[in-house]
């Protein structure tokens, strides 16, 4: 049996990033570390089955030996209620079986929760219910951008402990620079008085929340026509091109680092855009560009992406990247930065002290 940490929190609060950073840090300390996500959301087709992208990331980056079915035994879609309502007991059995298998030869097991702690409460598969089942302590992650996060955390503490689970602590994640001192000097002491151990105040790094061109390729299911070596480039917003090259130039010069979206038949506009260093150019409507465009893009190292959808649909799909906080498995730069940030700003010593107490109690028992 492993010492288990149940990493939970509010939506888009950096749970996977926290798992990624802790995994690497604990592994560096010589511990056998495992990863498990009991309930995931199907977002990507792998071998004909919907998989959770967070689990795919952890398996690839951390070279986990277990297969995807073991790492995430229950994968649901957006309309999950009718499906899961008929198989709560079966899902629980799958989860417990996978947990026992993965934790058997580990010192520490990081368990990542679903999007929110209350997910599947009606089914008894919510975070506190499963944490109690596994004897895991809950490490809660929340985006620390406003004062109200204090009440949010306190409310979830009541929910988690009220259902029989134990809190390990809280991490205030993605804290804007202008809020850092307030989170440390005002919010953290209030949480401490409410019985919550603040184990980290992690500054916001824009590089982590901006999507890469690889993320754009993934969400649009785009074909890469040029610039394949630059897919790790960050995308700082988008610009739709439907004007003349002369009218576009002033906008393009102020939009360095953005992805430029236009039709493949707008050769003059695309060549103009290539001179202003966009992060990528997305061509809509499955209209292939000229050889001149591809040659220029390859020379400048700017990705050219081709998508079958129209401009409106393309932009709508890109909105899905607005709250992205998890790097893609191929994003080496983001992965390294994530691990470094967590290592620098999360109190791993307190976690290790609790792990040592747990080991001592087990030996004593």
Protein backbone atom coordinates (compact mmCIF):
# COMPACT_ATOMS: atom_id res chain seq x y z
CA UNK A 1 0.00 0.00 0.00
CA UNK A 2 1.28 3.46 -0.91
CA UNK A 3 1.02 6.79 0.84
CA UNK A 4 -1.65 8.45 -1.32
CA UNK A 5 -2.16 12.14 -2.08
CA UNK A 6 -5.47 13.01 -3.73
CA UNK A 7 -4.82 16.15 -5.81
CA UNK A 8 -8.16 17.88 -6.18
CA UNK A 9 -9.44 21.40 -6.70
CA UNK A 10 -11.63 23.72 -8.68
CA UNK A 11 -11.79 23.68 -12.49
CA UNK A 12 -8.68 24.81 -14.38
CA UNK A 13 -6.70 25.26 -11.17
CA UNK A 14 -3.57 23.39 -12.23
CA UNK A 15 -4.22 19.93 -10.76
CA UNK A 16 -2.32 18.14 -13.53
CA UNK A 17 0.51 20.66 -13.39
CA UNK A 18 0.74 20.04 -9.63
CA UNK A 19 0.85 16.26 -10.20
CA UNK A 20 3.51 16.72 -12.87
CA UNK A 21 5.72 18.85 -10.68
CA UNK A 22 5.32 16.72 -7.55
CA UNK A 23 5.92 13.51 -9.48
CA UNK A 24 9.26 14.75 -10.78
CA UNK A 25 10.37 16.19 -7.43
CA UNK A 26 9.48 13.08 -5.43
CA UNK A 27 11.09 10.84 -8.03
CA UNK A 28 14.30 12.88 -7.78
CA UNK A 29 14.29 12.09 -4.05
CA UNK A 30 14.54 8.39 -4.85
CA UNK A 31 10.93 7.47 -4.17
CA UNK A 32 8.84 5.10 -6.26
CA UNK A 33 6.05 7.38 -7.41
CA UNK A 34 2.85 6.43 -9.19
CA UNK A 35 -0.02 8.29 -10.82
CA UNK A 36 -3.71 7.43 -10.95
CA UNK A 37 -6.87 9.21 -12.14
CA UNK A 38 -9.97 7.22 -11.11
CA UNK A 39 -12.43 9.22 -13.21
CA UNK A 40 -11.49 11.11 -16.36
CA UNK A 41 -13.24 12.97 -19.14
CA UNK A 42 -12.92 11.63 -22.67
CA UNK A 43 -11.29 14.30 -24.82
CA UNK A 44 -9.09 12.48 -27.32
CA UNK A 45 -9.46 9.33 -29.40
CA UNK A 46 -6.64 6.83 -28.85
CA UNK A 47 -6.92 3.42 -30.50
CA UNK A 48 -10.58 4.09 -31.18
CA UNK A 49 -11.44 4.98 -27.57
CA UNK A 50 -11.95 8.30 -25.85
CA UNK A 51 -9.17 9.06 -23.37
CA UNK A 52 -8.42 11.74 -20.82
CA UNK A 53 -5.63 14.01 -22.13
CA UNK A 54 -4.20 14.58 -18.62
CA UNK A 55 -3.64 10.85 -18.26
CA UNK A 56 -2.04 10.63 -21.72
CA UNK A 57 0.33 13.44 -20.71
CA UNK A 58 1.39 11.79 -17.45
CA UNK A 59 1.88 8.39 -19.08
CA UNK A 60 4.07 9.76 -21.86
CA UNK A 61 6.08 12.31 -19.87
CA UNK A 62 6.67 10.10 -16.82
CA UNK A 63 7.06 6.88 -18.83
CA UNK A 64 4.45 5.09 -16.72
CA UNK A 65 4.36 1.33 -17.22
CA UNK A 66 0.63 0.88 -16.58
CA UNK A 67 -1.73 1.01 -19.53
CA UNK A 68 -4.32 3.75 -19.96
CA UNK A 69 -7.18 1.52 -18.75
CA UNK A 70 -5.42 1.01 -15.43
CA UNK A 71 -4.31 4.64 -15.04
CA UNK A 72 -7.85 5.89 -15.68
CA UNK A 73 -10.41 3.06 -15.40
CA UNK A 74 -13.55 5.23 -15.80
CA UNK A 75 -13.71 7.71 -18.69
CA UNK A 76 -16.89 9.73 -19.22
CA UNK A 77 -18.23 12.16 -21.78
CA UNK A 78 -20.10 15.43 -21.22
CA UNK A 79 -23.46 13.63 -21.08
CA UNK A 80 -22.49 11.08 -18.49
CA UNK A 81 -25.41 10.89 -16.06
CA UNK A 82 -27.48 8.19 -17.76
CA UNK A 83 -24.38 6.09 -18.50
CA UNK A 84 -22.76 6.20 -15.07
CA UNK A 85 -26.08 5.95 -13.14
CA UNK A 86 -26.49 2.39 -14.38
CA UNK A 87 -22.94 1.30 -13.57
CA UNK A 88 -21.92 2.94 -10.27
CA UNK A 89 -21.07 -0.35 -8.56
CA UNK A 90 -19.18 -1.68 -11.58
CA UNK A 91 -17.24 1.58 -11.90
CA UNK A 92 -16.31 1.50 -8.21
CA UNK A 93 -15.01 -2.05 -8.56
CA UNK A 94 -12.90 -1.05 -11.58
CA UNK A 95 -11.48 1.94 -9.70
CA UNK A 96 -10.59 -0.04 -6.57
CA UNK A 97 -9.04 -2.85 -8.61
CA UNK A 98 -6.87 -0.42 -10.57
CA UNK A 99 -5.89 1.49 -7.42
CA UNK A 100 -4.73 -1.67 -5.66
CA UNK A 101 -2.71 -2.75 -8.69
CA UNK A 102 -1.00 0.60 -9.24
CA UNK A 103 -0.30 1.35 -5.57
CA UNK A 104 1.08 -2.11 -4.75
CA UNK A 105 4.74 -1.37 -5.53
CA UNK A 106 4.81 2.41 -4.95
CA UNK A 107 6.02 4.56 -2.07
CA UNK A 108 3.77 7.48 -2.96
CA UNK A 109 0.77 7.55 -5.27
CA UNK A 110 -0.52 10.82 -6.72
CA UNK A 111 -4.25 10.55 -7.43
CA UNK A 112 -5.74 13.25 -9.65
CA UNK A 113 -9.40 14.06 -9.17
CA UNK A 114 -12.01 14.83 -11.79
CA UNK A 115 -12.67 18.46 -12.73
CA UNK A 116 -14.33 19.28 -9.40
CA UNK A 117 -14.43 17.52 -5.99
CA UNK A 118 -18.21 17.07 -6.06
CA UNK A 119 -18.22 15.29 -9.44
CA UNK A 120 -20.23 12.01 -9.17
CA UNK A 121 -21.38 12.70 -5.60
CA UNK A 122 -24.70 11.02 -6.41
CA UNK A 123 -22.78 7.88 -7.32
CA UNK A 124 -20.44 7.85 -4.33
CA UNK A 125 -17.43 8.38 -6.60
CA UNK A 126 -16.68 11.98 -5.61
CA UNK A 127 -13.27 13.07 -4.34
CA UNK A 128 -13.88 12.72 -0.58
CA UNK A 129 -15.62 9.34 -0.96
CA UNK A 130 -12.75 7.90 -2.98
CA UNK A 131 -10.09 9.58 -0.83
CA UNK A 132 -11.63 7.93 2.24
CA UNK A 133 -11.75 4.58 0.41
CA UNK A 134 -8.03 4.83 -0.45
CA UNK A 135 -6.92 6.35 2.86
CA UNK A 136 -5.61 9.28 0.83
CA UNK A 137 -5.14 12.87 2.02
CA UNK A 138 -6.55 15.65 -0.16
CA UNK A 139 -4.21 18.32 -1.51
CA UNK A 140 -6.50 21.08 -2.78
CA UNK A 141 -5.53 23.38 -5.66
CA UNK A 142 -7.33 26.64 -6.41
CA UNK A 143 -6.59 29.60 -8.65
CA UNK A 144 -5.51 32.35 -6.25
CA UNK A 145 -6.63 35.48 -8.04
CA UNK A 146 -9.23 37.07 -5.71
CA UNK A 147 -10.12 37.22 -2.01
CA UNK A 148 -13.18 35.03 -2.50
CA UNK A 149 -10.96 31.97 -3.03
CA UNK A 150 -10.68 31.83 0.77
CA UNK A 151 -14.40 31.10 1.12
CA UNK A 152 -14.25 28.66 -1.79
CA UNK A 153 -11.50 26.66 -0.10
CA UNK A 154 -13.21 26.74 3.31
CA UNK A 155 -16.46 25.54 1.73
CA UNK A 156 -14.70 22.61 0.04
CA UNK A 157 -12.87 21.80 3.28
CA UNK A 158 -16.26 21.39 4.95
CA UNK A 159 -17.48 19.22 2.07
CA UNK A 160 -14.37 17.01 2.01
CA UNK A 161 -14.05 16.54 5.77
CA UNK A 162 -17.81 16.26 6.19
CA UNK A 163 -17.73 13.20 3.94
CA UNK A 164 -14.99 11.56 5.98
CA UNK A 165 -11.80 12.45 4.10
CA UNK A 166 -8.73 14.23 5.47
CA UNK A 167 -7.14 17.41 4.12
CA UNK A 168 -3.38 17.55 3.62
CA UNK A 169 -3.31 21.21 2.64
CA UNK A 170 -4.00 23.75 -0.06
CA UNK A 171 -2.00 25.26 -2.92
CA UNK A 172 -2.90 28.73 -4.19
CA UNK A 173 -2.08 28.32 -7.87
CA UNK A 174 -1.64 30.68 -10.84
CA UNK A 175 -1.48 33.72 -8.56
CA UNK A 176 -1.12 36.99 -10.55
CA UNK A 177 2.01 38.94 -9.60
CA UNK A 178 -0.04 41.84 -8.21
CA UNK A 179 -1.87 39.40 -5.89
CA UNK A 180 1.14 37.49 -4.55
CA UNK A 181 1.67 39.51 -1.37
CA UNK A 182 -2.06 39.53 -0.61
CA UNK A 183 -2.30 35.75 -0.99
CA UNK A 184 0.72 35.33 1.29
CA UNK A 185 -0.04 38.02 3.85
CA UNK A 186 -3.84 38.08 4.06
CA UNK A 187 -5.48 35.01 2.51
CA UNK A 188 -2.99 32.39 3.76
CA UNK A 189 -3.22 33.42 7.46
CA UNK A 190 -7.03 33.35 7.27
CA UNK A 191 -6.91 29.83 5.84
CA UNK A 192 -4.46 28.81 8.58
CA UNK A 193 -6.89 29.99 11.28
CA UNK A 194 -9.55 27.81 9.64
CA UNK A 195 -7.36 24.72 9.99
CA UNK A 196 -5.91 24.66 6.47
CA UNK A 197 -2.20 24.22 5.84
CA UNK A 198 -1.11 26.43 2.92
CA UNK A 199 1.55 24.37 1.15
CA UNK A 200 2.22 26.74 -1.70
CA UNK A 201 1.58 30.13 -3.26
CA UNK A 202 2.51 29.57 -6.89
CA UNK A 203 3.01 32.66 -9.10
CA UNK A 204 1.24 32.84 -12.43
CA UNK A 205 3.54 32.21 -15.38
CA UNK A 206 1.88 33.27 -18.60
CA UNK A 207 4.03 30.80 -20.51
CA UNK A 208 2.11 27.97 -18.83
CA UNK A 209 -1.40 29.20 -19.58
CA UNK A 210 -0.81 30.24 -23.20
CA UNK A 211 -1.44 27.42 -25.68
CA UNK A 212 1.26 26.28 -28.10
CA UNK A 213 0.90 25.78 -31.82
CA UNK A 214 0.80 22.05 -31.04
CA UNK A 215 -2.28 22.68 -28.88
CA UNK A 216 -3.89 24.56 -31.77
CA UNK A 217 -3.13 21.66 -34.11
CA UNK A 218 -4.73 19.26 -31.64
CA UNK A 219 -7.94 21.19 -30.99
CA UNK A 220 -8.47 21.98 -34.70
CA UNK A 221 -7.30 18.57 -35.94
CA UNK A 222 -5.19 20.58 -38.37
CA UNK A 223 -2.76 19.40 -41.03
CA UNK A 224 0.73 20.87 -40.65
CA UNK A 225 1.95 22.04 -44.06
CA UNK A 226 5.12 23.85 -42.96
CA UNK A 227 7.13 24.82 -39.87
CA UNK A 228 6.80 21.48 -38.09
CA UNK A 229 9.91 22.24 -36.00
CA UNK A 230 8.19 25.27 -34.41
CA UNK A 231 5.08 23.63 -32.97
CA UNK A 232 6.25 24.44 -29.42
CA UNK A 233 5.84 28.18 -30.10
CA UNK A 234 3.41 29.94 -27.75
CA UNK A 235 0.24 31.45 -29.21
CA UNK A 236 -0.67 34.82 -27.70
CA UNK A 237 -4.24 35.22 -28.99
CA UNK A 238 -5.58 35.18 -32.56
CA UNK A 239 -6.15 37.57 -35.45
CA UNK A 240 -8.62 36.96 -38.29
CA UNK A 241 -7.50 38.31 -41.66
CA UNK A 242 -10.27 39.39 -44.02
CA UNK A 243 -8.87 42.71 -45.21
CA UNK A 244 -6.40 43.91 -47.84
CA UNK A 245 -2.65 43.49 -47.16
CA UNK A 246 -2.28 47.28 -46.82
CA UNK A 247 -5.05 47.53 -44.23
CA UNK A 248 -3.79 44.46 -42.38
CA UNK A 249 -0.19 45.60 -41.97
CA UNK A 250 -0.80 47.98 -39.06
CA UNK A 251 -2.71 45.27 -37.19
CA UNK A 252 -0.15 42.59 -37.93
CA UNK A 253 2.75 44.69 -36.67
CA UNK A 254 1.00 45.03 -33.32
CA UNK A 255 0.15 41.34 -33.18
CA UNK A 256 3.51 39.56 -33.07
CA UNK A 257 3.08 36.10 -31.56
CA UNK A 258 -0.57 35.71 -32.52
CA UNK A 259 -1.97 33.03 -34.78
CA UNK A 260 -3.22 34.55 -38.04
CA UNK A 261 -6.41 33.01 -39.45
CA UNK A 262 -7.34 33.43 -43.12
CA UNK A 263 -8.18 31.53 -46.31
CA UNK A 264 -5.52 29.66 -48.25
CA UNK A 265 -6.34 31.63 -51.41
CA UNK A 266 -5.24 34.94 -49.83
CA UNK A 267 -1.61 34.60 -50.97
CA UNK A 268 -0.85 38.34 -50.80
CA UNK A 269 -2.23 38.61 -47.25
CA UNK A 270 -0.43 35.46 -46.05
CA UNK A 271 2.94 36.65 -47.42
CA UNK A 272 2.42 39.98 -45.69
CA UNK A 273 1.59 38.20 -42.43
CA UNK A 274 4.71 36.04 -42.67
CA UNK A 275 6.85 39.17 -42.51
CA UNK A 276 5.44 40.12 -39.08
CA UNK A 277 6.39 36.95 -37.20
CA UNK A 278 3.03 35.38 -36.24
CA UNK A 279 3.17 32.25 -34.08
CA UNK A 280 1.34 30.35 -36.85
CA UNK A 281 -0.94 30.85 -39.82
CA UNK A 282 -4.21 28.90 -39.88
CA UNK A 283 -5.74 28.42 -43.34
CA UNK A 284 -9.47 27.70 -43.30
CA UNK A 285 -11.77 25.93 -45.76
CA UNK A 286 -9.20 23.30 -46.81
CA UNK A 287 -7.75 25.73 -49.36
CA UNK A 288 -4.10 24.85 -49.99
CA UNK A 289 -1.73 27.83 -50.28
CA UNK A 290 0.75 28.51 -53.06
CA UNK A 291 4.22 26.97 -53.16
CA UNK A 292 5.59 30.47 -52.57
CA UNK A 293 3.75 30.66 -49.23
CA UNK A 294 4.96 27.24 -48.06
CA UNK A 295 8.54 27.98 -49.09
CA UNK A 296 8.56 31.32 -47.27
CA UNK A 297 6.97 29.84 -44.13
CA UNK A 298 9.48 26.97 -44.03
CA UNK A 299 12.39 29.39 -44.38
CA UNK A 300 11.09 31.57 -41.54
CA UNK A 301 10.13 28.60 -39.35
CA UNK A 302 6.48 29.64 -39.09
CA UNK A 303 3.91 26.80 -38.97
CA UNK A 304 1.22 26.75 -41.65
CA UNK A 305 -1.87 24.84 -40.51
CA UNK A 306 -4.69 23.70 -42.78
CA UNK A 307 -8.21 23.10 -41.44
CA UNK A 308 -11.43 22.04 -43.21
CA UNK A 309 -13.72 24.36 -41.21
CA UNK A 310 -14.79 27.91 -42.00
CA UNK A 311 -13.36 30.88 -40.12
CA UNK A 312 -16.21 31.21 -37.60
CA UNK A 313 -16.13 27.51 -36.67
CA UNK A 314 -12.34 27.61 -36.41
CA UNK A 315 -12.37 30.56 -34.00
CA UNK A 316 -15.13 28.91 -31.94
CA UNK A 317 -13.00 25.77 -31.55
CA UNK A 318 -10.01 27.86 -30.52
CA UNK A 319 -12.06 29.25 -27.62
CA UNK A 320 -11.63 25.80 -26.03
CA UNK A 321 -7.97 26.68 -25.46
CA UNK A 322 -8.83 29.75 -23.40
CA UNK A 323 -8.35 28.05 -20.02
CA UNK A 324 -5.63 25.58 -20.96
CA UNK A 325 -3.20 25.01 -18.08
CA UNK A 326 -1.83 21.59 -18.94
CA UNK A 327 1.08 21.22 -21.37
CA UNK A 328 0.95 18.82 -24.28
CA UNK A 329 3.26 15.78 -24.01
CA UNK A 330 5.45 17.25 -26.78
CA UNK A 331 5.82 20.64 -25.08
CA UNK A 332 9.22 20.08 -23.49
CA UNK A 333 9.67 23.72 -22.52
CA UNK A 334 6.32 23.91 -20.70
CA UNK A 335 6.87 20.59 -18.93
CA UNK A 336 10.29 21.64 -17.64
CA UNK A 337 8.95 25.01 -16.51
CA UNK A 338 6.00 23.38 -14.73
CA UNK A 339 8.27 21.04 -12.79
CA UNK A 340 10.61 23.87 -11.84
CA UNK A 341 7.81 26.16 -10.64
CA UNK A 342 6.21 23.46 -8.47
CA UNK A 343 9.62 22.53 -7.07
CA UNK A 344 10.35 26.16 -6.19
CA UNK A 345 6.99 27.15 -4.70
CA UNK A 346 5.34 24.07 -3.15
CA UNK A 347 6.33 22.92 0.36
CA UNK A 348 7.48 19.39 -0.43
CA UNK A 349 9.17 19.11 2.98
CA UNK A 350 5.81 19.21 4.79
CA UNK A 351 4.51 16.51 2.46
CA UNK A 352 7.59 14.37 3.15
CA UNK A 353 7.22 14.89 6.89
CA UNK A 354 3.65 13.61 6.69
CA UNK A 355 4.81 10.67 4.57
CA UNK A 356 7.43 9.81 7.22
CA UNK A 357 4.80 9.91 9.97
CA UNK A 358 2.56 7.66 7.90
CA UNK A 359 5.39 5.15 7.42
CA UNK A 360 6.23 5.22 11.13
CA UNK A 361 2.59 4.59 12.11
CA UNK A 362 2.36 1.67 9.72
CA UNK A 363 5.49 0.09 11.13
CA UNK A 364 4.23 0.65 14.66
CA UNK A 365 0.92 -0.98 13.77
